[in-house]
Amino acid sequence: METVQNLSVGERFYNNHKQRVAEYQKANPDKMRAKCKAYSIRLREARPEIYQVVLEAKRKYYHEVTKPKRESKKKEVAESILSVM
């Protein structure tokens, strides 16, 4: 990341804003969960074609990233248990 001296006022403002938003989101997970849920309901009702695209992207990410990572972790745990015995 660039140093503060090399950034313009607008860039510094933008970076500080991003940092504050991230802090707020981490401090208020219940509010963020409710906001996300409300957005998905609105999206599903107003624009079902976009909602289907979002669901497909989530499915693809799950099958390509999350599931293989979880299965490899299970495999490591099973191997470590067997090595202890």
N, C-alpha and C. Protein backbone atom coordinates (compact mmCIF):
# COMPACT_ATOMS: atom_id res chain seq x y z
N MET A 1 0.83 -1.18 0.00
CA MET A 1 0.00 0.00 0.00
C MET A 1 0.88 1.24 0.00
N GLU A 2 0.42 2.26 -0.64
CA GLU A 2 1.21 3.49 -0.74
C GLU A 2 1.25 4.20 0.61
N THR A 3 2.28 5.00 0.78
CA THR A 3 2.38 5.75 2.02
C THR A 3 1.41 6.92 1.99
N VAL A 4 1.18 7.50 3.16
CA VAL A 4 0.21 8.59 3.28
C VAL A 4 0.67 9.81 2.49
N GLN A 5 1.97 10.06 2.40
CA GLN A 5 2.46 11.24 1.70
C GLN A 5 2.16 11.18 0.20
N ASN A 6 2.10 10.00 -0.39
CA ASN A 6 1.90 9.88 -1.82
C ASN A 6 0.42 9.89 -2.23
N LEU A 7 -0.48 9.91 -1.26
CA LEU A 7 -1.90 9.87 -1.57
C LEU A 7 -2.50 11.27 -1.56
N SER A 8 -3.43 11.48 -2.46
CA SER A 8 -4.13 12.76 -2.47
C SER A 8 -5.14 12.78 -1.33
N VAL A 9 -5.74 13.93 -1.11
CA VAL A 9 -6.73 14.07 -0.04
C VAL A 9 -7.92 13.13 -0.30
N GLY A 10 -8.36 13.07 -1.53
CA GLY A 10 -9.48 12.21 -1.87
C GLY A 10 -9.18 10.75 -1.65
N GLU A 11 -7.96 10.33 -2.01
CA GLU A 11 -7.57 8.93 -1.82
C GLU A 11 -7.48 8.59 -0.33
N ARG A 12 -6.94 9.51 0.46
CA ARG A 12 -6.87 9.27 1.90
C ARG A 12 -8.27 9.16 2.50
N PHE A 13 -9.16 10.06 2.08
CA PHE A 13 -10.54 10.02 2.56
C PHE A 13 -11.18 8.68 2.20
N TYR A 14 -10.98 8.23 0.97
CA TYR A 14 -11.55 6.96 0.51
C TYR A 14 -11.00 5.80 1.33
N ASN A 15 -9.70 5.76 1.54
CA ASN A 15 -9.10 4.66 2.32
C ASN A 15 -9.58 4.67 3.76
N ASN A 16 -9.67 5.86 4.36
CA ASN A 16 -10.17 5.95 5.74
C ASN A 16 -11.62 5.49 5.82
N HIS A 17 -12.40 5.88 4.82
CA HIS A 17 -13.81 5.48 4.80
C HIS A 17 -13.92 3.96 4.70
N LYS A 18 -13.15 3.33 3.82
CA LYS A 18 -13.18 1.87 3.69
C LYS A 18 -12.82 1.21 5.02
N GLN A 19 -11.83 1.76 5.70
CA GLN A 19 -11.39 1.19 6.98
C GLN A 19 -12.50 1.32 8.03
N ARG A 20 -13.14 2.47 8.09
CA ARG A 20 -14.22 2.68 9.07
C ARG A 20 -15.42 1.79 8.78
N VAL A 21 -15.75 1.61 7.51
CA VAL A 21 -16.85 0.73 7.15
C VAL A 21 -16.55 -0.70 7.57
N ALA A 22 -15.33 -1.16 7.32
CA ALA A 22 -14.95 -2.52 7.72
C ALA A 22 -15.03 -2.68 9.23
N GLU A 23 -14.58 -1.67 9.98
CA GLU A 23 -14.65 -1.73 11.44
C GLU A 23 -16.10 -1.79 11.91
N TYR A 24 -16.96 -0.98 11.30
CA TYR A 24 -18.38 -0.98 11.67
C TYR A 24 -19.01 -2.34 11.40
N GLN A 25 -18.69 -2.90 10.25
CA GLN A 25 -19.27 -4.20 9.89
C GLN A 25 -18.82 -5.29 10.85
N LYS A 26 -17.56 -5.25 11.28
CA LYS A 26 -17.07 -6.24 12.23
C LYS A 26 -17.68 -6.04 13.61
N ALA A 27 -17.95 -4.77 13.98
CA ALA A 27 -18.50 -4.48 15.29
C ALA A 27 -20.00 -4.76 15.37
N ASN A 28 -20.69 -4.80 14.22
CA ASN A 28 -22.14 -4.97 14.20
C ASN A 28 -22.56 -6.11 13.27
N PRO A 29 -22.18 -7.33 13.58
CA PRO A 29 -22.51 -8.44 12.67
C PRO A 29 -24.01 -8.70 12.55
N ASP A 30 -24.77 -8.45 13.63
CA ASP A 30 -26.21 -8.70 13.56
C ASP A 30 -26.89 -7.72 12.59
N LYS A 31 -26.48 -6.46 12.64
CA LYS A 31 -27.05 -5.46 11.72
C LYS A 31 -26.68 -5.80 10.28
N MET A 32 -25.45 -6.25 10.06
CA MET A 32 -25.02 -6.59 8.70
C MET A 32 -25.76 -7.82 8.19
N ARG A 33 -26.00 -8.78 9.06
CA ARG A 33 -26.75 -9.98 8.68
C ARG A 33 -28.17 -9.61 8.28
N ALA A 34 -28.81 -8.73 9.08
CA ALA A 34 -30.17 -8.29 8.77
C ALA A 34 -30.21 -7.50 7.47
N LYS A 35 -29.21 -6.66 7.25
CA LYS A 35 -29.16 -5.85 6.03
C LYS A 35 -29.00 -6.76 4.80
N CYS A 36 -28.14 -7.75 4.90
CA CYS A 36 -27.91 -8.67 3.80
C CYS A 36 -29.16 -9.49 3.52
N LYS A 37 -29.84 -9.93 4.57
CA LYS A 37 -31.06 -10.71 4.41
C LYS A 37 -32.14 -9.87 3.73
N ALA A 38 -32.30 -8.62 4.15
CA ALA A 38 -33.31 -7.75 3.55
C ALA A 38 -32.99 -7.48 2.08
N TYR A 39 -31.69 -7.30 1.79
CA TYR A 39 -31.30 -7.07 0.39
C TYR A 39 -31.62 -8.29 -0.47
N SER A 40 -31.33 -9.48 0.03
CA SER A 40 -31.58 -10.68 -0.77
C SER A 40 -33.07 -10.88 -0.98
N ILE A 41 -33.89 -10.55 0.00
CA ILE A 41 -35.35 -10.66 -0.16
C ILE A 41 -35.83 -9.66 -1.22
N ARG A 42 -35.36 -8.42 -1.13
CA ARG A 42 -35.74 -7.41 -2.13
C ARG A 42 -35.30 -7.82 -3.52
N LEU A 43 -34.09 -8.33 -3.62
CA LEU A 43 -33.56 -8.75 -4.91
C LEU A 43 -34.37 -9.91 -5.48
N ARG A 44 -34.71 -10.86 -4.64
CA ARG A 44 -35.48 -12.02 -5.09
C ARG A 44 -36.85 -11.60 -5.62
N GLU A 45 -37.47 -10.63 -4.95
CA GLU A 45 -38.80 -10.19 -5.37
C GLU A 45 -38.76 -9.26 -6.58
N ALA A 46 -37.81 -8.34 -6.60
CA ALA A 46 -37.79 -7.31 -7.65
C ALA A 46 -37.10 -7.79 -8.93
N ARG A 47 -36.01 -8.54 -8.80
CA ARG A 47 -35.23 -8.93 -9.97
C ARG A 47 -34.83 -10.40 -9.87
N PRO A 48 -35.76 -11.30 -10.12
CA PRO A 48 -35.46 -12.73 -9.95
C PRO A 48 -34.36 -13.23 -10.88
N GLU A 49 -34.18 -12.64 -12.05
CA GLU A 49 -33.11 -13.10 -12.95
C GLU A 49 -31.73 -12.79 -12.37
N ILE A 50 -31.59 -11.63 -11.73
CA ILE A 50 -30.32 -11.28 -11.08
C ILE A 50 -30.11 -12.16 -9.85
N TYR A 51 -31.18 -12.44 -9.13
CA TYR A 51 -31.10 -13.30 -7.95
C TYR A 51 -30.59 -14.69 -8.34
N GLN A 52 -31.05 -15.21 -9.48
CA GLN A 52 -30.59 -16.52 -9.94
C GLN A 52 -29.10 -16.49 -10.27
N VAL A 53 -28.62 -15.39 -10.83
CA VAL A 53 -27.19 -15.26 -11.14
C VAL A 53 -26.38 -15.27 -9.84
N VAL A 54 -26.87 -14.56 -8.84
CA VAL A 54 -26.18 -14.51 -7.54
C VAL A 54 -26.15 -15.89 -6.91
N LEU A 55 -27.27 -16.59 -6.94
CA LEU A 55 -27.31 -17.94 -6.37
C LEU A 55 -26.35 -18.88 -7.09
N GLU A 56 -26.30 -18.78 -8.40
CA GLU A 56 -25.39 -19.63 -9.17
C GLU A 56 -23.93 -19.34 -8.81
N ALA A 57 -23.60 -18.07 -8.62
CA ALA A 57 -22.24 -17.70 -8.23
C ALA A 57 -21.90 -18.28 -6.85
N LYS A 58 -22.87 -18.23 -5.93
CA LYS A 58 -22.65 -18.80 -4.60
C LYS A 58 -22.45 -20.31 -4.67
N ARG A 59 -23.26 -20.98 -5.48
CA ARG A 59 -23.12 -22.44 -5.64
C ARG A 59 -21.75 -22.79 -6.22
N LYS A 60 -21.35 -22.04 -7.23
CA LYS A 60 -20.07 -22.29 -7.88
C LYS A 60 -18.92 -22.11 -6.90
N TYR A 61 -18.96 -21.03 -6.11
CA TYR A 61 -17.92 -20.78 -5.12
C TYR A 61 -17.89 -21.90 -4.09
N TYR A 62 -19.06 -22.34 -3.65
CA TYR A 62 -19.11 -23.43 -2.67
C TYR A 62 -18.47 -24.69 -3.22
N HIS A 63 -18.83 -25.07 -4.43
CA HIS A 63 -18.32 -26.33 -5.00
C HIS A 63 -16.85 -26.25 -5.39
N GLU A 64 -16.38 -25.06 -5.76
CA GLU A 64 -14.99 -24.94 -6.21
C GLU A 64 -14.02 -24.56 -5.11
N VAL A 65 -14.50 -23.89 -4.06
CA VAL A 65 -13.57 -23.40 -3.03
C VAL A 65 -13.90 -23.96 -1.65
N THR A 66 -15.09 -23.71 -1.17
CA THR A 66 -15.43 -24.04 0.20
C THR A 66 -15.43 -25.55 0.46
N LYS A 67 -16.12 -26.29 -0.38
CA LYS A 67 -16.23 -27.73 -0.17
C LYS A 67 -14.88 -28.44 -0.24
N PRO A 68 -14.04 -28.18 -1.27
CA PRO A 68 -12.73 -28.83 -1.29
C PRO A 68 -11.85 -28.47 -0.08
N LYS A 69 -11.94 -27.20 0.36
CA LYS A 69 -11.16 -26.78 1.52
C LYS A 69 -11.62 -27.52 2.76
N ARG A 70 -12.95 -27.65 2.94
CA ARG A 70 -13.50 -28.35 4.09
C ARG A 70 -13.12 -29.83 4.06
N GLU A 71 -13.20 -30.44 2.89
CA GLU A 71 -12.87 -31.86 2.79
C GLU A 71 -11.39 -32.12 3.05
N SER A 72 -10.52 -31.21 2.58
CA SER A 72 -9.10 -31.40 2.85
C SER A 72 -8.80 -31.23 4.34
N LYS A 73 -9.53 -30.32 4.99
CA LYS A 73 -9.34 -30.14 6.42
C LYS A 73 -9.79 -31.39 7.18
N LYS A 74 -10.92 -31.98 6.78
CA LYS A 74 -11.39 -33.22 7.40
C LYS A 74 -10.36 -34.32 7.23
N LYS A 75 -9.78 -34.39 6.05
CA LYS A 75 -8.78 -35.42 5.76
C LYS A 75 -7.56 -35.23 6.65
N GLU A 76 -7.12 -33.98 6.84
CA GLU A 76 -5.97 -33.71 7.70
C GLU A 76 -6.26 -34.10 9.13
N VAL A 77 -7.45 -33.80 9.62
CA VAL A 77 -7.82 -34.16 10.99
C VAL A 77 -7.84 -35.66 11.16
N ALA A 78 -8.41 -36.35 10.19
CA ALA A 78 -8.46 -37.82 10.27
C ALA A 78 -7.05 -38.42 10.26
N GLU A 79 -6.17 -37.87 9.44
CA GLU A 79 -4.79 -38.37 9.39
C GLU A 79 -4.07 -38.09 10.70
N SER A 80 -4.31 -36.92 11.30
CA SER A 80 -3.63 -36.60 12.55
C SER A 80 -4.13 -37.51 13.69
N ILE A 81 -5.42 -37.84 13.66
CA ILE A 81 -5.97 -38.75 14.68
C ILE A 81 -5.36 -40.13 14.51
N LEU A 82 -5.24 -40.60 13.28
CA LEU A 82 -4.66 -41.92 13.02
C LEU A 82 -3.19 -41.95 13.39
N SER A 83 -2.48 -40.84 13.18
CA SER A 83 -1.05 -40.82 13.50
C SER A 83 -0.82 -40.82 15.01
N VAL A 84 -1.78 -40.33 15.79
CA VAL A 84 -1.64 -40.31 17.24
C VAL A 84 -1.84 -41.71 17.80
N MET A 85 -2.70 -42.49 17.16
CA MET A 85 -2.99 -43.84 17.67
C MET A 85 -1.86 -44.72 17.46
